[in-house]
N, C-alpha and C. Protein backbone atom coordinates (compact mmCIF):
# COMPACT_ATOMS: atom_id res chain seq x y z
N MET A 1 -2.10 -20.41 -19.50
CA MET A 1 -3.20 -19.51 -19.76
C MET A 1 -3.16 -19.12 -21.24
N THR A 2 -4.29 -19.18 -21.86
CA THR A 2 -4.37 -18.85 -23.29
C THR A 2 -4.78 -17.39 -23.44
N ASP A 3 -4.69 -16.94 -24.67
CA ASP A 3 -5.08 -15.57 -24.97
C ASP A 3 -6.56 -15.35 -24.74
N LEU A 4 -7.36 -16.39 -24.95
CA LEU A 4 -8.80 -16.30 -24.77
C LEU A 4 -9.14 -16.12 -23.29
N GLU A 5 -8.48 -16.84 -22.41
CA GLU A 5 -8.74 -16.73 -20.97
C GLU A 5 -8.33 -15.36 -20.43
N SER A 6 -7.22 -14.83 -20.88
CA SER A 6 -6.78 -13.52 -20.40
C SER A 6 -7.70 -12.41 -20.89
N ALA A 7 -8.26 -12.56 -22.06
CA ALA A 7 -9.20 -11.55 -22.58
C ALA A 7 -10.49 -11.57 -21.78
N GLU A 8 -10.92 -12.76 -21.35
CA GLU A 8 -12.13 -12.85 -20.53
C GLU A 8 -11.93 -12.23 -19.16
N ASP A 9 -10.73 -12.35 -18.61
CA ASP A 9 -10.44 -11.78 -17.30
C ASP A 9 -10.47 -10.26 -17.34
N ARG A 10 -10.15 -9.67 -18.47
CA ARG A 10 -10.11 -8.21 -18.58
C ARG A 10 -11.47 -7.59 -18.85
N ARG A 11 -12.45 -8.37 -19.22
CA ARG A 11 -13.78 -7.83 -19.50
C ARG A 11 -14.45 -7.37 -18.21
N PRO A 12 -15.22 -6.29 -18.29
CA PRO A 12 -15.95 -5.86 -17.09
C PRO A 12 -17.00 -6.88 -16.72
N PRO A 13 -17.30 -7.00 -15.42
CA PRO A 13 -18.31 -7.97 -15.01
C PRO A 13 -19.68 -7.62 -15.59
N VAL A 14 -20.45 -8.64 -15.93
CA VAL A 14 -21.78 -8.48 -16.50
C VAL A 14 -22.79 -8.56 -15.37
N MET A 15 -23.79 -7.67 -15.40
CA MET A 15 -24.81 -7.69 -14.36
C MET A 15 -25.72 -8.89 -14.59
N SER A 16 -25.95 -9.62 -13.57
CA SER A 16 -26.76 -10.82 -13.67
C SER A 16 -28.23 -10.43 -13.77
N ASP A 17 -29.05 -11.37 -14.20
CA ASP A 17 -30.48 -11.13 -14.30
C ASP A 17 -31.13 -11.01 -12.93
N ARG A 18 -30.49 -11.58 -11.91
CA ARG A 18 -31.06 -11.55 -10.56
C ARG A 18 -30.77 -10.24 -9.84
N VAL A 19 -29.75 -9.51 -10.24
CA VAL A 19 -29.39 -8.26 -9.58
C VAL A 19 -30.01 -7.11 -10.35
N ARG A 20 -30.78 -6.30 -9.65
CA ARG A 20 -31.42 -5.15 -10.27
C ARG A 20 -31.05 -3.90 -9.50
N PRO A 21 -30.83 -2.80 -10.20
CA PRO A 21 -30.52 -1.55 -9.48
C PRO A 21 -31.75 -1.07 -8.71
N PHE A 22 -31.49 -0.24 -7.69
CA PHE A 22 -32.58 0.29 -6.89
C PHE A 22 -33.53 1.12 -7.74
N ALA A 23 -34.78 1.01 -7.45
CA ALA A 23 -35.77 1.81 -8.16
C ALA A 23 -35.69 3.24 -7.68
N SER A 24 -36.00 4.16 -8.54
CA SER A 24 -36.00 5.57 -8.16
C SER A 24 -37.11 5.83 -7.15
N ARG A 25 -36.74 6.43 -6.05
CA ARG A 25 -37.73 6.72 -5.01
C ARG A 25 -38.05 8.21 -4.92
N ALA A 26 -37.94 8.88 -6.03
CA ALA A 26 -38.23 10.31 -6.05
C ALA A 26 -39.72 10.52 -5.80
N PRO A 27 -40.06 11.48 -4.94
CA PRO A 27 -41.48 11.71 -4.67
C PRO A 27 -42.19 12.25 -5.91
N ALA A 28 -43.44 11.93 -6.00
CA ALA A 28 -44.24 12.42 -7.12
C ALA A 28 -44.36 13.94 -7.00
N VAL A 29 -44.23 14.60 -8.12
CA VAL A 29 -44.32 16.06 -8.13
C VAL A 29 -45.78 16.44 -8.13
N ARG A 30 -46.17 17.17 -7.10
CA ARG A 30 -47.55 17.63 -6.99
C ARG A 30 -47.59 19.14 -7.09
N PRO A 31 -48.51 19.67 -7.83
CA PRO A 31 -48.62 21.13 -7.86
C PRO A 31 -49.08 21.63 -6.50
N SER A 32 -48.41 22.63 -5.99
CA SER A 32 -48.77 23.18 -4.68
C SER A 32 -48.85 24.69 -4.77
N ALA A 33 -49.23 25.26 -3.66
CA ALA A 33 -49.31 26.72 -3.60
C ALA A 33 -47.92 27.30 -3.77
N PRO A 34 -47.79 28.47 -4.37
CA PRO A 34 -46.47 29.07 -4.54
C PRO A 34 -45.82 29.32 -3.18
N GLN A 35 -44.57 28.91 -3.05
CA GLN A 35 -43.86 29.07 -1.79
C GLN A 35 -43.25 30.45 -1.72
N GLU A 36 -43.11 30.93 -0.47
CA GLU A 36 -42.50 32.24 -0.27
C GLU A 36 -41.01 32.14 -0.56
N ALA A 37 -40.44 33.23 -1.01
CA ALA A 37 -39.01 33.26 -1.27
C ALA A 37 -38.26 33.19 0.05
N VAL A 38 -37.19 32.47 0.07
CA VAL A 38 -36.38 32.31 1.27
C VAL A 38 -35.28 33.35 1.26
N VAL A 39 -35.09 34.02 2.39
CA VAL A 39 -34.04 35.02 2.53
C VAL A 39 -32.73 34.28 2.77
N SER A 40 -31.67 34.69 2.07
CA SER A 40 -30.37 34.06 2.26
C SER A 40 -29.27 35.11 2.12
N PHE A 41 -28.07 34.73 2.54
CA PHE A 41 -26.90 35.59 2.38
C PHE A 41 -26.35 35.36 0.98
N ASP A 42 -25.90 36.43 0.33
CA ASP A 42 -25.26 36.25 -0.97
C ASP A 42 -23.77 35.95 -0.75
N ARG A 43 -23.06 35.74 -1.82
CA ARG A 43 -21.66 35.32 -1.75
C ARG A 43 -20.78 36.34 -1.04
N LEU A 44 -20.95 37.62 -1.33
CA LEU A 44 -20.12 38.65 -0.70
C LEU A 44 -20.40 38.76 0.80
N GLU A 45 -21.66 38.65 1.17
CA GLU A 45 -22.01 38.69 2.60
C GLU A 45 -21.42 37.50 3.34
N LEU A 46 -21.53 36.33 2.74
CA LEU A 46 -20.96 35.13 3.38
C LEU A 46 -19.45 35.23 3.49
N ARG A 47 -18.80 35.82 2.50
CA ARG A 47 -17.35 35.98 2.58
C ARG A 47 -16.96 36.87 3.75
N GLU A 48 -17.66 37.97 3.94
CA GLU A 48 -17.38 38.86 5.07
C GLU A 48 -17.57 38.14 6.40
N ILE A 49 -18.67 37.41 6.51
CA ILE A 49 -18.98 36.71 7.76
C ILE A 49 -17.97 35.59 8.01
N LEU A 50 -17.65 34.82 6.98
CA LEU A 50 -16.72 33.70 7.15
C LEU A 50 -15.29 34.16 7.37
N ASP A 51 -14.92 35.33 6.87
CA ASP A 51 -13.60 35.89 7.19
C ASP A 51 -13.49 36.17 8.68
N LEU A 52 -14.51 36.80 9.23
CA LEU A 52 -14.54 37.06 10.68
C LEU A 52 -14.55 35.74 11.45
N TYR A 53 -15.37 34.80 11.00
CA TYR A 53 -15.46 33.50 11.67
C TYR A 53 -14.11 32.78 11.66
N GLY A 54 -13.40 32.82 10.55
CA GLY A 54 -12.09 32.18 10.45
C GLY A 54 -11.08 32.78 11.41
N ARG A 55 -11.10 34.11 11.56
CA ARG A 55 -10.18 34.76 12.51
C ARG A 55 -10.49 34.35 13.93
N LYS A 56 -11.78 34.27 14.26
CA LYS A 56 -12.18 33.90 15.62
C LYS A 56 -11.89 32.42 15.92
N VAL A 57 -12.04 31.56 14.94
CA VAL A 57 -11.71 30.15 15.13
C VAL A 57 -10.21 30.00 15.33
N ALA A 58 -9.42 30.74 14.56
CA ALA A 58 -7.96 30.68 14.68
C ALA A 58 -7.50 31.15 16.06
N SER A 59 -8.21 32.10 16.64
CA SER A 59 -7.84 32.59 17.96
C SER A 59 -8.41 31.71 19.07
N GLY A 60 -9.27 30.76 18.73
CA GLY A 60 -9.81 29.82 19.71
C GLY A 60 -11.08 30.27 20.40
N GLU A 61 -11.68 31.37 19.97
CA GLU A 61 -12.89 31.89 20.62
C GLU A 61 -14.15 31.17 20.15
N TRP A 62 -14.24 30.90 18.86
CA TRP A 62 -15.43 30.27 18.30
C TRP A 62 -15.07 28.89 17.78
N ARG A 63 -16.05 27.98 17.80
CA ARG A 63 -15.77 26.61 17.36
C ARG A 63 -16.78 26.07 16.35
N ASP A 64 -17.97 26.62 16.29
CA ASP A 64 -18.99 26.05 15.42
C ASP A 64 -19.93 27.15 14.95
N TYR A 65 -20.68 26.87 13.88
CA TYR A 65 -21.67 27.83 13.38
C TYR A 65 -22.85 27.08 12.79
N ALA A 66 -23.93 27.82 12.58
CA ALA A 66 -25.13 27.27 11.96
C ALA A 66 -25.75 28.33 11.07
N LEU A 67 -26.36 27.91 9.99
CA LEU A 67 -27.06 28.80 9.08
C LEU A 67 -28.54 28.43 9.07
N ASP A 68 -29.40 29.44 9.20
CA ASP A 68 -30.84 29.24 9.14
C ASP A 68 -31.42 30.22 8.13
N PHE A 69 -32.25 29.70 7.24
CA PHE A 69 -32.89 30.54 6.22
C PHE A 69 -34.39 30.35 6.32
N THR A 70 -35.11 31.46 6.53
CA THR A 70 -36.56 31.42 6.57
C THR A 70 -37.10 32.46 5.59
N ALA A 71 -38.40 32.58 5.54
CA ALA A 71 -39.01 33.57 4.65
C ALA A 71 -38.82 34.99 5.17
N GLN A 72 -38.61 35.15 6.49
CA GLN A 72 -38.47 36.48 7.08
C GLN A 72 -37.02 36.93 7.22
N LYS A 73 -36.11 36.01 7.53
CA LYS A 73 -34.72 36.42 7.75
C LYS A 73 -33.76 35.25 7.56
N ALA A 74 -32.49 35.61 7.40
CA ALA A 74 -31.40 34.65 7.34
C ALA A 74 -30.54 34.88 8.58
N VAL A 75 -30.09 33.79 9.21
CA VAL A 75 -29.35 33.91 10.47
C VAL A 75 -28.08 33.06 10.40
N PHE A 76 -26.96 33.68 10.77
CA PHE A 76 -25.68 32.97 10.93
C PHE A 76 -25.41 32.96 12.43
N SER A 77 -25.49 31.79 13.06
CA SER A 77 -25.31 31.65 14.51
C SER A 77 -23.91 31.15 14.80
N VAL A 78 -23.29 31.70 15.86
CA VAL A 78 -21.93 31.36 16.24
C VAL A 78 -21.94 30.70 17.61
N TYR A 79 -21.19 29.61 17.75
CA TYR A 79 -21.14 28.85 19.00
C TYR A 79 -19.70 28.72 19.49
N SER A 80 -19.54 28.68 20.83
CA SER A 80 -18.22 28.38 21.38
C SER A 80 -18.07 26.88 21.56
N ARG A 81 -19.15 26.18 21.77
CA ARG A 81 -19.21 24.72 21.82
C ARG A 81 -20.46 24.30 21.05
N ALA A 82 -20.43 23.13 20.47
CA ALA A 82 -21.55 22.69 19.64
C ALA A 82 -22.80 22.41 20.48
N SER A 83 -22.64 22.09 21.75
CA SER A 83 -23.79 21.71 22.57
C SER A 83 -24.44 22.88 23.28
N GLU A 84 -23.88 24.06 23.17
CA GLU A 84 -24.41 25.23 23.88
C GLU A 84 -25.35 26.03 23.00
N CYS A 85 -25.91 27.09 23.59
CA CYS A 85 -26.71 28.01 22.79
C CYS A 85 -25.77 28.97 22.05
N ALA A 86 -26.29 29.64 21.05
CA ALA A 86 -25.47 30.51 20.21
C ALA A 86 -24.95 31.70 21.01
N LEU A 87 -23.66 32.03 20.82
CA LEU A 87 -23.10 33.23 21.44
C LEU A 87 -23.65 34.48 20.78
N TYR A 88 -23.60 34.48 19.46
CA TYR A 88 -24.06 35.62 18.66
C TYR A 88 -24.83 35.12 17.45
N GLU A 89 -25.71 35.97 16.96
CA GLU A 89 -26.42 35.70 15.72
C GLU A 89 -26.28 36.92 14.82
N ILE A 90 -25.87 36.68 13.59
CA ILE A 90 -25.80 37.74 12.59
C ILE A 90 -27.03 37.54 11.72
N GLU A 91 -27.93 38.53 11.74
CA GLU A 91 -29.22 38.40 11.06
C GLU A 91 -29.31 39.33 9.86
N LYS A 92 -30.01 38.85 8.84
CA LYS A 92 -30.35 39.66 7.67
C LYS A 92 -31.86 39.66 7.55
N SER A 93 -32.49 40.82 7.80
CA SER A 93 -33.95 40.94 7.76
C SER A 93 -34.35 41.99 6.73
N PRO A 94 -34.80 41.57 5.56
CA PRO A 94 -35.16 42.54 4.52
C PRO A 94 -36.32 43.45 4.90
N ARG A 95 -37.22 43.01 5.76
CA ARG A 95 -38.36 43.88 6.12
C ARG A 95 -37.92 45.07 6.97
N LEU A 96 -36.73 45.00 7.59
CA LEU A 96 -36.20 46.12 8.37
C LEU A 96 -35.18 46.95 7.59
N ALA A 97 -35.02 46.67 6.30
CA ALA A 97 -33.98 47.32 5.51
C ALA A 97 -34.13 48.83 5.43
N ARG A 98 -35.35 49.31 5.32
CA ARG A 98 -35.55 50.76 5.20
C ARG A 98 -35.65 51.46 6.54
N LYS A 99 -35.98 50.74 7.58
CA LYS A 99 -36.18 51.35 8.89
C LYS A 99 -34.90 51.38 9.71
N GLN A 100 -34.52 50.22 10.25
CA GLN A 100 -33.40 50.17 11.19
C GLN A 100 -32.13 49.64 10.56
N GLY A 101 -32.23 48.99 9.46
CA GLY A 101 -31.06 48.43 8.80
C GLY A 101 -31.28 46.97 8.48
N LEU A 102 -30.65 46.52 7.42
CA LEU A 102 -30.81 45.16 6.93
C LEU A 102 -30.16 44.13 7.84
N TYR A 103 -29.04 44.50 8.47
CA TYR A 103 -28.25 43.55 9.26
C TYR A 103 -28.31 43.88 10.74
N ALA A 104 -28.13 42.83 11.56
CA ALA A 104 -28.09 43.03 13.01
C ALA A 104 -27.21 41.94 13.63
N VAL A 105 -26.54 42.30 14.73
CA VAL A 105 -25.80 41.34 15.54
C VAL A 105 -26.52 41.27 16.88
N VAL A 106 -26.95 40.05 17.24
CA VAL A 106 -27.73 39.84 18.46
C VAL A 106 -26.95 38.92 19.38
N ALA A 107 -26.84 39.30 20.66
CA ALA A 107 -26.16 38.47 21.66
C ALA A 107 -27.08 37.33 22.10
N SER A 108 -26.53 36.39 22.86
CA SER A 108 -27.31 35.24 23.30
C SER A 108 -28.44 35.63 24.23
N SER A 109 -28.32 36.78 24.90
CA SER A 109 -29.37 37.25 25.79
C SER A 109 -30.52 37.93 25.05
N GLY A 110 -30.36 38.14 23.73
CA GLY A 110 -31.39 38.79 22.95
C GLY A 110 -31.11 40.28 22.73
N LEU A 111 -30.04 40.78 23.32
CA LEU A 111 -29.66 42.18 23.19
C LEU A 111 -29.10 42.43 21.79
N VAL A 112 -29.62 43.43 21.10
CA VAL A 112 -29.11 43.80 19.78
C VAL A 112 -27.86 44.64 20.00
N LEU A 113 -26.70 44.10 19.62
CA LEU A 113 -25.44 44.81 19.81
C LEU A 113 -25.25 45.92 18.78
N LYS A 114 -25.63 45.64 17.55
CA LYS A 114 -25.50 46.66 16.51
C LYS A 114 -26.44 46.31 15.38
N ARG A 115 -26.98 47.34 14.76
CA ARG A 115 -27.87 47.18 13.62
C ARG A 115 -27.50 48.24 12.60
N GLY A 116 -27.57 47.89 11.32
CA GLY A 116 -27.23 48.88 10.31
C GLY A 116 -27.42 48.35 8.90
N HIS A 117 -27.03 49.20 7.95
CA HIS A 117 -27.20 48.89 6.53
C HIS A 117 -25.95 48.28 5.91
N ASP A 118 -24.79 48.47 6.55
CA ASP A 118 -23.51 47.98 6.03
C ASP A 118 -23.05 46.80 6.87
N LEU A 119 -22.95 45.62 6.27
CA LEU A 119 -22.60 44.40 7.00
C LEU A 119 -21.22 44.50 7.65
N ARG A 120 -20.26 45.05 6.95
CA ARG A 120 -18.90 45.14 7.49
C ARG A 120 -18.88 45.96 8.78
N ARG A 121 -19.60 47.05 8.81
CA ARG A 121 -19.65 47.88 10.03
C ARG A 121 -20.42 47.19 11.16
N VAL A 122 -21.44 46.46 10.80
CA VAL A 122 -22.25 45.79 11.82
C VAL A 122 -21.46 44.68 12.50
N ILE A 123 -20.76 43.85 11.72
CA ILE A 123 -20.02 42.75 12.33
C ILE A 123 -18.70 43.20 12.95
N ALA A 124 -18.32 44.46 12.72
CA ALA A 124 -17.10 44.98 13.35
C ALA A 124 -17.23 45.01 14.87
N VAL A 125 -18.44 45.02 15.39
CA VAL A 125 -18.64 45.00 16.84
C VAL A 125 -18.13 43.68 17.44
N LEU A 126 -18.07 42.62 16.65
CA LEU A 126 -17.57 41.33 17.12
C LEU A 126 -16.07 41.16 16.92
N ASP A 127 -15.47 41.99 16.10
CA ASP A 127 -14.06 41.86 15.74
C ASP A 127 -13.23 42.86 16.55
N LYS A 128 -12.81 42.44 17.72
CA LYS A 128 -12.00 43.30 18.57
C LYS A 128 -10.53 43.02 18.27
N ARG A 129 -9.93 43.88 17.52
CA ARG A 129 -8.52 43.72 17.17
C ARG A 129 -7.65 44.42 18.20
N LEU A 130 -6.45 43.92 18.36
CA LEU A 130 -5.52 44.52 19.31
C LEU A 130 -5.03 45.87 18.78
N ARG A 131 -4.91 46.82 19.68
CA ARG A 131 -4.41 48.15 19.31
C ARG A 131 -3.18 48.47 20.14
N LEU A 132 -2.29 49.20 19.56
CA LEU A 132 -1.07 49.62 20.24
C LEU A 132 -1.40 50.77 21.17
N VAL A 133 -1.04 50.62 22.43
CA VAL A 133 -1.27 51.67 23.42
C VAL A 133 0.06 52.29 23.77
N SER A 134 0.19 53.58 23.58
CA SER A 134 1.47 54.24 23.89
C SER A 134 1.49 54.63 25.37
N GLU A 135 2.67 54.62 25.93
CA GLU A 135 2.82 54.93 27.37
C GLU A 135 2.90 56.41 27.64
């Protein structure tokens, strides 16, 4: 093997004229009506919810979750199995912020377990910690 052959082996392969990269399939940008703002959880709210979720997953009670964001509310749904309906939904509804509270925990039956302005207090209804009982 000569020095010329070894230098050719080290060169990156050249793209042939027959091979072309995929064309960009980005949709054409069309001006449309202004869209409504989507309600979502911020970083601190998600941290509180995911801390609770992590504890429940570690204890084996919960197994899956889903996030839904609409113009009216943001929902964090909790499942015990992926194929079932949600056990609980943690909702954030800005239109109820001044009346009943921004946050709510709703059971699978539709019963509102707790509603309020402070997320930590609202989701505390789902976090049943063990307490020492004296005899």
